[in-house]
Amino acid sequence: MRKRPPNVATTVKASDETAAALRQKVKEPFRPVLAVLAPTVSIGAAAFPADADTAEALFQRADEALYRAKQGGKNRVCR
């Protein structure tokens, strides 16, 4: 029995949810010995084949999305 490939829309939604959860977790402050740190994360996401049809184009779309996330004020997930 052949395994069916995942539904692209479902996979994209799941990756968006995972990225958002990671962003939330990373922004929680933590206290090393003498300081309080509150990091942020910017994530650029792209999905194959929804956003690109080659590996090179996929990385380009993800890179563009990362720069949009950073330009948008950091601590964001952009597709």
Protein backbone atom coordinates (compact mmCIF):
# COMPACT_ATOMS: atom_id res chain seq x y z
CA MET A 1 0.00 0.00 0.00
CA ARG A 2 1.46 3.35 -1.06
CA LYS A 3 1.56 6.11 1.48
CA ARG A 4 -0.29 9.21 0.27
CA PRO A 5 1.70 12.45 0.22
CA PRO A 6 0.58 15.03 2.77
CA ASN A 7 -1.94 17.64 1.74
CA VAL A 8 0.07 20.79 0.94
CA ALA A 9 -2.43 23.14 2.61
CA THR A 10 -2.42 21.03 5.78
CA THR A 11 1.38 20.86 5.80
CA VAL A 12 1.72 24.63 5.27
CA LYS A 13 -0.77 25.34 8.07
CA ALA A 14 1.08 22.98 10.40
CA SER A 15 4.43 24.60 9.63
CA ASP A 16 2.94 28.06 10.23
CA GLU A 17 1.55 26.90 13.58
CA THR A 18 4.88 25.34 14.56
CA ALA A 19 6.79 28.52 13.65
CA ALA A 20 4.34 30.66 15.64
CA ALA A 21 4.64 28.35 18.68
CA LEU A 22 8.43 28.47 18.45
CA ARG A 23 8.35 32.27 18.27
CA GLN A 24 6.15 32.41 21.39
CA LYS A 25 8.38 30.01 23.30
CA VAL A 26 11.60 31.84 22.41
CA LYS A 27 10.27 35.22 23.53
CA GLU A 28 9.67 34.02 27.10
CA PRO A 29 12.21 35.81 29.34
CA PHE A 30 14.81 33.79 31.13
CA ARG A 31 17.20 34.76 33.88
CA PRO A 32 20.83 33.76 33.67
CA VAL A 33 22.97 34.61 36.70
CA LEU A 34 23.09 38.44 36.47
CA ALA A 35 20.67 39.49 33.74
CA VAL A 36 17.18 39.10 32.35
CA LEU A 37 17.09 38.20 28.68
CA ALA A 38 14.01 38.34 26.47
CA PRO A 39 15.01 37.07 23.02
CA THR A 40 12.91 37.37 19.89
CA VAL A 41 12.90 35.34 16.70
CA SER A 42 12.12 36.20 13.10
CA ILE A 43 11.09 33.30 10.88
CA GLY A 44 10.76 33.23 7.11
CA ALA A 45 8.80 30.25 5.83
CA ALA A 46 8.22 28.83 2.37
CA ALA A 47 6.59 25.58 1.29
CA PHE A 48 7.24 23.26 -1.64
CA PRO A 49 5.51 23.22 -4.08
CA ALA A 50 3.07 25.92 -2.94
CA ASP A 51 5.67 28.72 -2.94
CA ALA A 52 8.34 27.43 -5.33
CA ASP A 53 9.03 24.57 -7.70
CA THR A 54 12.81 24.20 -7.21
CA ALA A 55 15.06 24.03 -4.17
CA GLU A 56 16.82 27.25 -5.19
CA ALA A 57 13.53 29.13 -5.56
CA LEU A 58 12.27 27.69 -2.27
CA PHE A 59 15.29 29.01 -0.36
CA GLN A 60 14.93 32.35 -2.13
CA ARG A 61 11.25 32.63 -1.05
CA ALA A 62 12.13 31.69 2.54
CA ASP A 63 14.96 34.24 2.57
CA GLU A 64 12.64 36.96 1.24
CA ALA A 65 10.07 36.06 3.91
CA LEU A 66 12.77 36.26 6.61
CA TYR A 67 13.71 39.78 5.55
CA ARG A 68 10.03 40.80 5.58
CA ALA A 69 9.79 39.44 9.13
CA LYS A 70 12.83 41.43 10.23
CA GLN A 71 11.66 44.61 8.51
CA GLY A 72 8.22 44.23 10.07
CA GLY A 73 9.58 44.78 13.56
CA LYS A 74 11.17 41.43 14.36
CA ASN A 75 9.56 38.67 16.43
CA ARG A 76 7.37 37.65 13.48
CA VAL A 77 6.64 34.75 11.20
CA CYS A 78 6.25 35.64 7.54
CA ARG A 79 5.47 33.50 4.52
